[in-house]
């Protein structure tokens, strides 16, 4: 047997009226309340009703009926299902249609209703029961329980548990390095005594060394039942992951994360103090998503694994070794601006008349001499110059330029400086073709015009023969105020222009 119950055929079997297709008896037809089923139990031995867990048993089913009337009823029948549930939760069922009698008036009567086979320790119930009883007529025996005659002397019972023979079971659990054993008794007559193989007489054992333990219990009727349990080792693995916080980090990559903890209690709680091997804590970091820039942080998932290293080799064997996982998340964001290591410098150049474009471009390309760095990578330079040299004199002027250093995540730092074009070099004149000094005749009334013409001609020659590297739009000024000095015709007088 595998703990699967069977209904054993016997002399108490009768036909089931509900199997008659024409039978339409329902609970509403059973209006008489004369008899009721109050108990069901199993008995294996008339002398001592007991069994040991796991034994194959054939026992007699007894029913206790209460007759509430003042007359004897000659028979009482039960039709339903016997359900047997073993220790694994497997359920088997068999039908019973059994009858017995008499049931004396005004009281409880217990009668046998055939045999059932089962394994000691199985749970047994009777379900979907139709109860039927006959009247007080001497001829109303078990043959009278057909569909036409059972109503109204009938009733329906959804379920009733069957009390098994006296039996005891043991449950052993680890309590640290020791074990606790709990006794469970079913059946028998309460008033139990206990005798363990370690001579204890208590109901349960607590804080005993791992090993094999057996107990014999005796009920108030002197019936005995025994059970045995073995728990050789109390090593166990338990651990629960702590609620590890998500950590936000300003940085570049997983090198900015703090080193993984090596303290088991930082990561787990309720950690076993009696592992079967060495407790080993390992970790792995996994890049999950993101590029590390603001709005899309680099998400690193750190997974801690605590395992019971049975063979003490430091390597987790998923098939044989117990383990627990715990995960922590790190969000890494590069939100720091680049560092300006050297500010841009002003630049002043001598005007070349062509905008000093080469010098300006070289200054722009060198970011005005500025230097920058970024902790997460390279920087790219840009500037806001847009041919905006201010227009001063000739081709001179200045422009203030903002230089911007940008990293790979768009973080920026700036520095500014001014580029100035100045003209400090005087124009040059080739004096070879200039007019010689002007000599006037004293008393000549046309002298003033002669001076004016001479000055005009001299200025024209100077413009033709003058040159300037910054601006060829030259102008000539003179100090002649339009009046000649008083001339003494007895001597010589003159004027420098």
Protein backbone atom coordinates (compact mmCIF):
# COMPACT_ATOMS: atom_id res chain seq x y z
CA UNK A 1 0.00 0.00 0.00
CA UNK A 2 1.06 3.61 -0.61
CA UNK A 3 -1.26 5.22 1.86
CA UNK A 4 -4.20 4.98 -0.57
CA UNK A 5 -7.39 3.90 1.20
CA UNK A 6 -9.78 1.20 0.01
CA UNK A 7 -13.30 0.29 0.98
CA UNK A 8 -13.34 -3.42 1.77
CA UNK A 9 -16.48 -5.26 0.66
CA UNK A 10 -18.39 -6.93 3.45
CA UNK A 11 -21.76 -8.04 4.82
CA UNK A 12 -22.82 -4.47 5.62
CA UNK A 13 -22.86 -3.48 1.92
CA UNK A 14 -26.24 -2.70 0.34
CA UNK A 15 -27.27 -1.10 -2.95
CA UNK A 16 -27.06 2.66 -3.15
CA UNK A 17 -30.52 4.06 -3.93
CA UNK A 18 -29.00 7.17 -5.49
CA UNK A 19 -27.53 5.03 -8.26
CA UNK A 20 -31.08 4.37 -9.48
CA UNK A 21 -31.58 6.76 -12.41
CA UNK A 22 -35.22 7.14 -11.38
CA UNK A 23 -34.29 8.28 -7.84
CA UNK A 24 -34.82 11.99 -7.39
CA UNK A 25 -34.67 12.26 -3.60
CA UNK A 26 -33.24 15.58 -2.44
CA UNK A 27 -32.34 17.10 0.91
CA UNK A 28 -35.67 18.88 0.95
CA UNK A 29 -37.45 15.52 0.99
CA UNK A 30 -35.72 14.53 4.26
CA UNK A 31 -37.96 16.21 6.79
CA UNK A 32 -37.68 13.72 9.67
CA UNK A 33 -35.06 14.54 12.29
CA UNK A 34 -35.37 11.30 14.24
CA UNK A 35 -31.76 10.10 13.92
CA UNK A 36 -28.41 11.85 13.49
CA UNK A 37 -24.80 10.81 12.90
CA UNK A 38 -22.60 12.17 15.71
CA UNK A 39 -19.24 10.36 15.34
CA UNK A 40 -17.15 8.12 13.08
CA UNK A 41 -14.01 6.27 14.17
CA UNK A 42 -11.76 3.36 13.20
CA UNK A 43 -10.81 0.41 15.36
CA UNK A 44 -8.06 -2.09 14.59
CA UNK A 45 -8.20 -4.34 17.65
CA UNK A 46 -10.92 -4.95 20.14
CA UNK A 47 -8.33 -5.00 22.90
CA UNK A 48 -6.11 -2.03 22.01
CA UNK A 49 -6.98 0.37 19.22
CA UNK A 50 -3.55 1.68 18.17
CA UNK A 51 -1.16 1.68 15.21
CA UNK A 52 2.32 2.92 14.34
CA UNK A 53 2.81 5.61 11.70
CA UNK A 54 3.45 4.06 8.28
CA UNK A 55 1.95 0.65 9.03
CA UNK A 56 -0.59 -0.77 6.56
CA UNK A 57 -3.88 -1.10 8.45
CA UNK A 58 -7.26 -2.70 7.91
CA UNK A 59 -9.69 -1.27 10.45
CA UNK A 60 -13.39 -1.41 11.14
CA UNK A 61 -15.40 1.77 10.62
CA UNK A 62 -17.72 2.51 13.54
CA UNK A 63 -20.54 5.04 13.45
CA UNK A 64 -22.25 6.52 16.50
CA UNK A 65 -25.94 7.38 15.91
CA UNK A 66 -28.22 9.37 18.17
CA UNK A 67 -31.86 8.18 18.20
CA UNK A 68 -34.01 11.02 19.46
CA UNK A 69 -37.26 9.05 19.32
CA UNK A 70 -38.93 6.79 21.83
CA UNK A 71 -38.87 3.77 19.52
CA UNK A 72 -36.18 1.43 18.23
CA UNK A 73 -35.23 1.83 14.59
CA UNK A 74 -34.36 -1.45 12.96
CA UNK A 75 -31.71 -0.17 10.55
CA UNK A 76 -29.53 2.85 9.75
CA UNK A 77 -27.81 3.18 6.37
CA UNK A 78 -25.08 5.48 5.14
CA UNK A 79 -24.28 6.22 1.47
CA UNK A 80 -21.30 8.41 0.54
CA UNK A 81 -17.57 8.69 -0.12
CA UNK A 82 -14.54 7.70 1.96
CA UNK A 83 -11.61 10.10 1.33
CA UNK A 84 -8.09 9.13 2.39
CA UNK A 85 -5.28 11.73 2.37
CA UNK A 86 -1.69 10.58 2.82
CA UNK A 87 1.31 12.52 4.14
CA UNK A 88 2.13 13.79 0.65
CA UNK A 89 -1.35 15.25 0.23
CA UNK A 90 -2.45 12.57 -2.25
CA UNK A 91 -6.17 11.84 -1.99
CA UNK A 92 -7.97 8.63 -2.88
CA UNK A 93 -11.68 7.96 -2.65
CA UNK A 94 -14.03 5.01 -2.58
CA UNK A 95 -17.82 4.72 -2.30
CA UNK A 96 -19.61 3.11 0.62
CA UNK A 97 -23.22 1.91 0.81
CA UNK A 98 -23.56 0.24 4.19
CA UNK A 99 -26.27 -0.56 6.67
CA UNK A 100 -26.61 -1.90 10.24
CA UNK A 101 -29.08 -1.94 13.12
CA UNK A 102 -30.85 -1.93 15.56
CA UNK A 103 -30.71 1.62 16.95
CA UNK A 104 -32.44 1.63 20.38
CA UNK A 105 -34.64 4.49 21.43
CA UNK A 106 -33.55 7.64 23.22
CA UNK A 107 -29.78 7.52 23.08
CA UNK A 108 -26.47 6.88 21.37
CA UNK A 109 -25.67 3.62 19.64
CA UNK A 110 -22.32 2.66 18.07
CA UNK A 111 -22.36 0.05 15.30
CA UNK A 112 -19.70 -1.36 12.91
CA UNK A 113 -19.99 -0.42 9.23
CA UNK A 114 -17.47 -2.63 7.49
CA UNK A 115 -13.73 -2.34 6.95
CA UNK A 116 -11.41 0.24 5.42
CA UNK A 117 -7.73 -0.22 4.52
CA UNK A 118 -5.28 2.65 4.93
CA UNK A 119 -1.77 3.50 6.08
CA UNK A 120 -1.45 4.59 9.70
CA UNK A 121 -1.06 8.36 9.67
CA UNK A 122 -3.47 8.96 6.78
CA UNK A 123 -6.35 11.40 7.35
CA UNK A 124 -9.83 9.98 6.59
CA UNK A 125 -13.13 11.78 6.06
CA UNK A 126 -16.66 10.80 5.00
CA UNK A 127 -18.24 13.24 2.55
CA UNK A 128 -21.49 13.76 0.62
CA UNK A 129 -23.39 11.45 2.97
CA UNK A 130 -27.01 10.39 2.56
CA UNK A 131 -28.30 8.94 5.83
CA UNK A 132 -31.36 6.72 5.77
CA UNK A 133 -33.22 4.96 8.58
CA UNK A 134 -36.24 2.73 8.73
CA UNK A 135 -39.28 2.94 10.97
CA UNK A 136 -40.01 0.81 14.03
CA UNK A 137 -41.62 -2.00 12.08
CA UNK A 138 -39.89 -5.40 12.63
CA UNK A 139 -39.81 -5.89 8.87
CA UNK A 140 -38.04 -2.58 8.17
CA UNK A 141 -34.57 -3.97 7.75
CA UNK A 142 -31.58 -2.99 5.58
CA UNK A 143 -33.35 -4.21 2.44
CA UNK A 144 -35.88 -1.39 2.75
CA UNK A 145 -33.49 1.49 1.82
CA UNK A 146 -34.61 1.96 -1.74
CA UNK A 147 -35.39 5.31 -3.28
CA UNK A 148 -39.17 4.90 -2.94
CA UNK A 149 -39.07 4.38 0.80
CA UNK A 150 -36.26 6.44 2.30
CA UNK A 151 -38.02 9.84 2.35
CA UNK A 152 -38.78 11.48 4.72
CA UNK A 153 -36.69 9.35 7.11
CA UNK A 154 -33.34 10.56 5.77
CA UNK A 155 -30.78 13.29 6.02
CA UNK A 156 -27.70 14.71 4.31
CA UNK A 157 -24.26 15.38 5.91
CA UNK A 158 -21.61 17.26 3.87
CA UNK A 159 -18.58 15.92 5.77
CA UNK A 160 -17.49 14.21 8.98
CA UNK A 161 -13.93 13.37 10.04
CA UNK A 162 -13.09 9.81 10.98
CA UNK A 163 -11.14 9.44 14.22
CA UNK A 164 -8.25 7.03 13.52
CA UNK A 165 -6.71 4.51 15.91
CA UNK A 166 -4.29 5.84 18.51
CA UNK A 167 -1.14 7.03 16.74
CA UNK A 168 1.76 9.38 17.40
CA UNK A 169 4.01 11.33 15.03
CA UNK A 170 7.21 13.26 15.68
CA UNK A 171 8.50 16.47 14.10
CA UNK A 172 12.14 17.49 14.60
CA UNK A 173 13.45 20.97 13.77
CA UNK A 174 16.82 22.61 14.23
CA UNK A 175 17.18 25.25 16.93
CA UNK A 176 20.67 26.48 16.27
CA UNK A 177 23.08 23.59 16.81
CA UNK A 178 20.46 21.55 18.74
CA UNK A 179 17.03 20.23 17.85
CA UNK A 180 13.48 20.41 19.21
CA UNK A 181 11.07 17.47 18.77
CA UNK A 182 7.29 17.93 18.92
CA UNK A 183 4.85 15.08 19.57
CA UNK A 184 1.44 14.95 17.83
CA UNK A 185 -1.13 12.41 19.07
CA UNK A 186 -4.33 11.43 17.25
CA UNK A 187 -6.95 9.07 18.63
CA UNK A 188 -6.86 7.08 21.83
CA UNK A 189 -8.16 8.01 25.24
CA UNK A 190 -6.52 11.20 26.60
CA UNK A 191 -4.35 10.94 29.67
CA UNK A 192 -1.19 10.05 27.75
CA UNK A 193 2.20 9.11 29.17
CA UNK A 194 5.51 9.29 27.30
CA UNK A 195 8.74 7.29 27.30
CA UNK A 196 11.63 8.37 25.06
CA UNK A 197 14.71 6.40 24.10
CA UNK A 198 16.78 8.92 26.05
CA UNK A 199 14.64 8.09 29.18
CA UNK A 200 12.78 11.41 29.08
CA UNK A 201 9.08 11.26 30.00
CA UNK A 202 8.12 14.71 28.76
CA UNK A 203 5.64 15.27 25.95
CA UNK A 204 8.23 17.02 23.76
CA UNK A 205 12.03 17.23 23.64
CA UNK A 206 13.83 20.56 23.51
CA UNK A 207 17.50 21.48 22.91
CA UNK A 208 18.70 17.92 22.39
CA UNK A 209 21.65 16.93 20.24
CA UNK A 210 20.98 15.88 16.63
CA UNK A 211 20.35 12.18 16.23
CA UNK A 212 17.62 9.53 16.23
CA UNK A 213 14.81 9.70 18.80
CA UNK A 214 11.83 7.45 19.41
CA UNK A 215 8.88 7.69 21.78
CA UNK A 216 6.23 5.27 23.04
CA UNK A 217 3.00 6.81 24.25
CA UNK A 218 0.38 5.10 26.36
CA UNK A 219 -3.20 6.36 26.60
CA UNK A 220 -5.58 6.10 29.54
CA UNK A 221 -6.74 2.68 28.34
CA UNK A 222 -3.21 1.31 28.34
CA UNK A 223 -2.91 1.24 24.53
CA UNK A 224 0.49 2.04 23.12
CA UNK A 225 1.77 3.66 19.92
CA UNK A 226 5.31 4.47 18.87
CA UNK A 227 7.12 6.76 16.45
CA UNK A 228 10.72 7.53 15.50
CA UNK A 229 12.44 10.53 13.93
CA UNK A 230 16.02 11.19 12.80
CA UNK A 231 17.74 14.55 12.33
CA UNK A 232 21.46 13.93 12.08
CA UNK A 233 22.70 17.46 11.48
CA UNK A 234 21.51 20.88 12.42
CA UNK A 235 23.53 22.85 9.97
CA UNK A 236 21.30 25.15 7.96
CA UNK A 237 21.49 28.14 5.67
CA UNK A 238 19.34 31.20 6.30
CA UNK A 239 19.79 34.81 5.22
CA UNK A 240 17.55 37.71 4.26
CA UNK A 241 18.53 40.62 2.05
CA UNK A 242 18.52 44.01 3.71
CA UNK A 243 16.73 46.91 2.03
CA UNK A 244 19.84 48.41 0.43
CA UNK A 245 19.40 52.07 -0.62
CA UNK A 246 19.86 53.30 -4.17
CA UNK A 247 23.03 55.44 -4.30
CA UNK A 248 23.34 58.51 -6.56
CA UNK A 249 26.94 59.32 -7.47
CA UNK A 250 28.51 62.26 -9.30
CA UNK A 251 31.18 60.61 -11.37
CA UNK A 252 32.11 58.93 -14.63
CA UNK A 253 31.85 55.13 -14.43
CA UNK A 254 31.77 52.17 -12.05
CA UNK A 255 35.25 53.06 -10.80
CA UNK A 256 33.54 55.84 -8.83
CA UNK A 257 31.47 53.32 -6.82
CA UNK A 258 32.69 52.50 -3.32
CA UNK A 259 34.29 49.07 -3.03
CA UNK A 260 31.87 46.23 -2.31
CA UNK A 261 31.35 45.42 1.34
CA UNK A 262 33.03 42.33 2.71
CA UNK A 263 30.94 42.37 5.89
CA UNK A 264 28.01 39.96 5.54
CA UNK A 265 25.98 41.85 8.15
CA UNK A 266 26.14 45.02 6.00
CA UNK A 267 24.15 43.23 3.31
CA UNK A 268 22.10 40.45 4.95
CA UNK A 269 20.12 39.94 8.13
CA UNK A 270 18.95 36.78 9.92
CA UNK A 271 22.13 35.05 8.81
CA UNK A 272 22.56 31.47 9.97
CA UNK A 273 25.00 30.80 12.78
CA UNK A 274 25.24 27.11 11.90
CA UNK A 275 26.08 26.76 8.20
CA UNK A 276 27.07 23.41 6.77
CA UNK A 277 30.21 24.88 5.19
CA UNK A 278 31.91 28.27 5.10
CA UNK A 279 29.73 31.32 4.43
CA UNK A 280 31.14 33.07 1.35
CA UNK A 281 30.14 36.56 0.15
CA UNK A 282 30.84 37.48 -3.49
CA UNK A 283 29.58 40.25 -5.75
CA UNK A 284 29.26 41.23 -9.41
CA UNK A 285 28.64 44.67 -10.96
CA UNK A 286 26.52 44.90 -14.10
CA UNK A 287 25.99 47.94 -16.36
CA UNK A 288 22.25 48.06 -16.90
CA UNK A 289 21.43 51.26 -18.83
CA UNK A 290 22.25 54.92 -19.43
CA UNK A 291 25.30 56.84 -20.70
CA UNK A 292 26.17 58.64 -17.48
CA UNK A 293 24.94 62.09 -18.56
CA UNK A 294 22.34 64.20 -16.75
CA UNK A 295 18.89 62.71 -17.38
CA UNK A 296 20.31 59.32 -18.40
CA UNK A 297 22.59 58.21 -15.56
CA UNK A 298 24.73 55.12 -15.91
CA UNK A 299 22.87 52.49 -13.88
CA UNK A 300 25.09 49.90 -12.20
CA UNK A 301 23.47 46.93 -10.47
CA UNK A 302 25.64 45.32 -7.82
CA UNK A 303 24.52 41.78 -6.92
CA UNK A 304 25.79 40.26 -3.70
CA UNK A 305 25.63 36.48 -3.35
CA UNK A 306 25.94 34.80 0.03
CA UNK A 307 26.27 31.03 -0.15
CA UNK A 308 26.96 28.03 2.04
CA UNK A 309 30.20 26.70 0.59
CA UNK A 310 29.78 22.99 1.29
CA UNK A 311 33.06 21.92 -0.26
CA UNK A 312 34.88 25.09 0.88
CA UNK A 313 36.27 25.87 -2.58
CA UNK A 314 34.98 29.44 -2.76
CA UNK A 315 32.89 28.68 -5.86
CA UNK A 316 29.08 28.62 -5.82
CA UNK A 317 27.61 25.30 -6.95
CA UNK A 318 24.08 26.25 -7.99
CA UNK A 319 22.90 22.64 -7.96
CA UNK A 320 24.00 21.71 -4.44
CA UNK A 321 24.73 24.83 -2.40
CA UNK A 322 22.17 27.13 -0.79
CA UNK A 323 22.48 30.84 -1.53
CA UNK A 324 20.73 34.18 -1.19
CA UNK A 325 20.95 37.22 -3.49
CA UNK A 326 20.85 40.90 -2.61
CA UNK A 327 20.95 43.75 -5.13
CA UNK A 328 21.96 47.39 -4.80
CA UNK A 329 21.59 50.03 -7.53
CA UNK A 330 24.02 52.90 -8.24
CA UNK A 331 23.13 55.84 -10.51
CA UNK A 332 26.29 57.53 -11.82
CA UNK A 333 25.97 60.98 -13.42
CA UNK A 334 28.65 63.24 -14.91
CA UNK A 335 27.27 66.62 -13.87
CA UNK A 336 30.59 68.39 -13.22
CA UNK A 337 31.77 71.18 -15.50
CA UNK A 338 35.26 70.97 -17.02
CA UNK A 339 38.04 72.68 -15.09
CA UNK A 340 39.70 75.76 -16.61
CA UNK A 341 43.32 75.11 -15.73
CA UNK A 342 44.63 78.28 -17.38
CA UNK A 343 42.53 81.28 -18.27
CA UNK A 344 42.57 82.80 -21.74
CA UNK A 345 44.99 85.78 -22.16
CA UNK A 346 44.52 89.07 -23.93
CA UNK A 347 46.44 89.49 -27.17
CA UNK A 348 47.60 92.82 -28.72
CA UNK A 349 49.09 92.95 -32.23
CA UNK A 350 50.41 95.71 -34.46
CA UNK A 351 48.06 96.53 -37.29
CA UNK A 352 49.03 94.99 -40.63
CA UNK A 353 46.30 96.68 -42.61
CA UNK A 354 44.71 93.34 -43.55
CA UNK A 355 42.85 92.59 -40.35
CA UNK A 356 45.72 90.59 -38.82
CA UNK A 357 43.65 87.50 -39.74
CA UNK A 358 46.47 84.98 -39.33
CA UNK A 359 47.34 86.19 -35.84
CA UNK A 360 43.67 86.36 -34.88
CA UNK A 361 42.99 82.84 -36.13
CA UNK A 362 46.03 81.44 -34.35
CA UNK A 363 44.86 83.13 -31.13
CA UNK A 364 41.35 81.70 -31.56
CA UNK A 365 42.67 78.23 -32.38
CA UNK A 366 44.74 78.30 -29.21
CA UNK A 367 41.70 79.34 -27.14
CA UNK A 368 43.62 82.46 -26.21
CA UNK A 369 46.14 80.21 -24.51
CA UNK A 370 43.51 78.69 -22.23
CA UNK A 371 43.80 75.10 -20.99
CA UNK A 372 40.96 72.89 -19.65
CA UNK A 373 40.47 69.31 -18.49
CA UNK A 374 37.57 67.04 -17.51
CA UNK A 375 37.61 64.15 -15.05
CA UNK A 376 35.50 61.96 -17.36
CA UNK A 377 37.18 62.51 -20.71
CA UNK A 378 38.24 65.03 -23.34
CA UNK A 379 36.88 68.55 -23.79
CA UNK A 380 35.94 70.36 -26.98
CA UNK A 381 36.57 74.10 -27.39
CA UNK A 382 34.32 76.61 -29.10
CA UNK A 383 34.12 80.42 -29.13
CA UNK A 384 31.63 83.13 -29.95
CA UNK A 385 33.83 85.21 -32.28
CA UNK A 386 31.96 86.35 -35.42
CA UNK A 387 34.17 88.91 -37.24
CA UNK A 388 33.22 91.46 -34.65
CA UNK A 389 36.46 93.50 -34.33
CA UNK A 390 35.39 96.99 -33.26
CA UNK A 391 36.10 99.71 -35.88
CA UNK A 392 38.47 102.27 -34.43
CA UNK A 393 41.12 104.02 -36.48
CA UNK A 394 41.95 102.41 -39.79
CA UNK A 395 42.17 98.65 -39.44
CA UNK A 396 42.56 98.78 -35.66
CA UNK A 397 40.01 97.64 -33.08
CA UNK A 398 39.33 94.90 -30.53
CA UNK A 399 37.02 91.95 -29.82
CA UNK A 400 36.29 90.24 -26.52
CA UNK A 401 35.85 86.51 -27.12
CA UNK A 402 34.22 83.92 -24.84
CA UNK A 403 35.92 80.52 -25.08
CA UNK A 404 33.77 77.53 -23.99
CA UNK A 405 35.11 74.11 -22.92
CA UNK A 406 32.43 71.37 -23.26
CA UNK A 407 32.70 67.76 -22.10
CA UNK A 408 31.01 64.68 -23.56
CA UNK A 409 27.85 65.23 -21.48
CA UNK A 410 27.41 68.90 -22.43
CA UNK A 411 28.77 70.32 -19.17
CA UNK A 412 30.50 73.66 -19.91
CA UNK A 413 32.99 76.14 -18.45
CA UNK A 414 34.04 79.46 -19.98
CA UNK A 415 36.93 81.92 -20.04
CA UNK A 416 37.23 85.18 -21.99
CA UNK A 417 39.95 87.46 -23.33
CA UNK A 418 40.31 90.40 -25.72
CA UNK A 419 42.15 90.50 -29.05
CA UNK A 420 43.35 94.06 -29.89
CA UNK A 421 44.77 95.46 -33.13
CA UNK A 422 46.65 98.72 -32.55
CA UNK A 423 48.64 101.14 -34.77
CA UNK A 424 51.73 102.59 -33.09
CA UNK A 425 53.90 102.96 -36.23
CA UNK A 426 54.11 106.41 -37.96
CA UNK A 427 53.62 106.67 -41.70
CA UNK A 428 56.78 106.95 -43.90
CA UNK A 429 57.49 109.59 -46.60
CA UNK A 430 59.94 109.46 -49.50
CA UNK A 431 61.26 113.00 -49.41
CA UNK A 432 63.18 112.74 -52.71
CA UNK A 433 60.53 114.43 -54.82
CA UNK A 434 59.40 117.07 -52.32
CA UNK A 435 59.64 120.77 -53.20
CA UNK A 436 62.55 122.82 -52.01
CA UNK A 437 62.12 125.82 -49.76
CA UNK A 438 60.03 128.72 -51.12
CA UNK A 439 61.79 132.12 -51.45
CA UNK A 440 59.59 135.22 -51.78
CA UNK A 441 60.37 138.68 -53.04
CA UNK A 442 59.90 141.30 -50.39
CA UNK A 443 56.96 143.50 -51.03
CA UNK A 444 55.39 141.25 -53.63
CA UNK A 445 51.69 141.53 -53.14
CA UNK A 446 51.18 137.96 -54.43
CA UNK A 447 53.30 136.34 -51.76
CA UNK A 448 50.32 135.02 -49.82
CA UNK A 449 48.99 133.17 -52.86
CA UNK A 450 52.41 131.86 -53.63
CA UNK A 451 52.66 130.39 -50.13
CA UNK A 452 49.25 128.78 -50.40
CA UNK A 453 50.11 127.19 -53.73
CA UNK A 454 53.46 126.00 -52.44
CA UNK A 455 51.82 124.36 -49.37
CA UNK A 456 49.18 122.67 -51.52
CA UNK A 457 51.78 121.32 -53.92
CA UNK A 458 53.95 120.13 -51.07
CA UNK A 459 51.03 118.31 -49.41
CA UNK A 460 50.12 116.61 -52.71
CA UNK A 461 53.67 115.37 -53.12
CA UNK A 462 53.71 114.08 -49.53
CA UNK A 463 50.48 112.12 -50.10
CA UNK A 464 51.87 110.68 -53.28
CA UNK A 465 55.11 109.69 -51.67
CA UNK A 466 53.77 108.71 -48.19
CA UNK A 467 53.03 105.14 -46.97
CA UNK A 468 51.46 103.49 -43.85
CA UNK A 469 51.19 99.76 -43.12
CA UNK A 470 47.86 100.10 -41.31
CA UNK A 471 45.95 102.71 -43.32
CA UNK A 472 46.73 104.25 -46.71
CA UNK A 473 44.15 106.97 -46.24
CA UNK A 474 46.84 109.50 -45.24
CA UNK A 475 46.22 113.13 -44.40
CA UNK A 476 48.73 116.01 -44.24
CA UNK A 477 48.39 118.83 -41.78
CA UNK A 478 50.40 122.08 -41.61
CA UNK A 479 50.88 124.93 -39.17
CA UNK A 480 50.42 127.80 -41.61
CA UNK A 481 47.69 130.07 -40.28
CA UNK A 482 47.30 132.13 -43.47
CA UNK A 483 49.34 135.17 -42.49
CA UNK A 484 52.95 135.90 -43.38
CA UNK A 485 55.23 137.45 -40.79
CA UNK A 486 56.12 141.12 -41.14
CA UNK A 487 58.81 141.42 -43.75
CA UNK A 488 61.68 143.83 -43.29
CA UNK A 489 62.84 144.66 -46.76
CA UNK A 490 66.15 145.86 -45.40
CA UNK A 491 66.91 142.30 -44.26
CA UNK A 492 65.79 138.70 -44.61
CA UNK A 493 62.91 137.16 -42.70
CA UNK A 494 61.29 133.69 -43.00
CA UNK A 495 58.55 131.18 -41.91
CA UNK A 496 58.85 127.40 -41.27
CA UNK A 497 55.86 125.42 -42.55
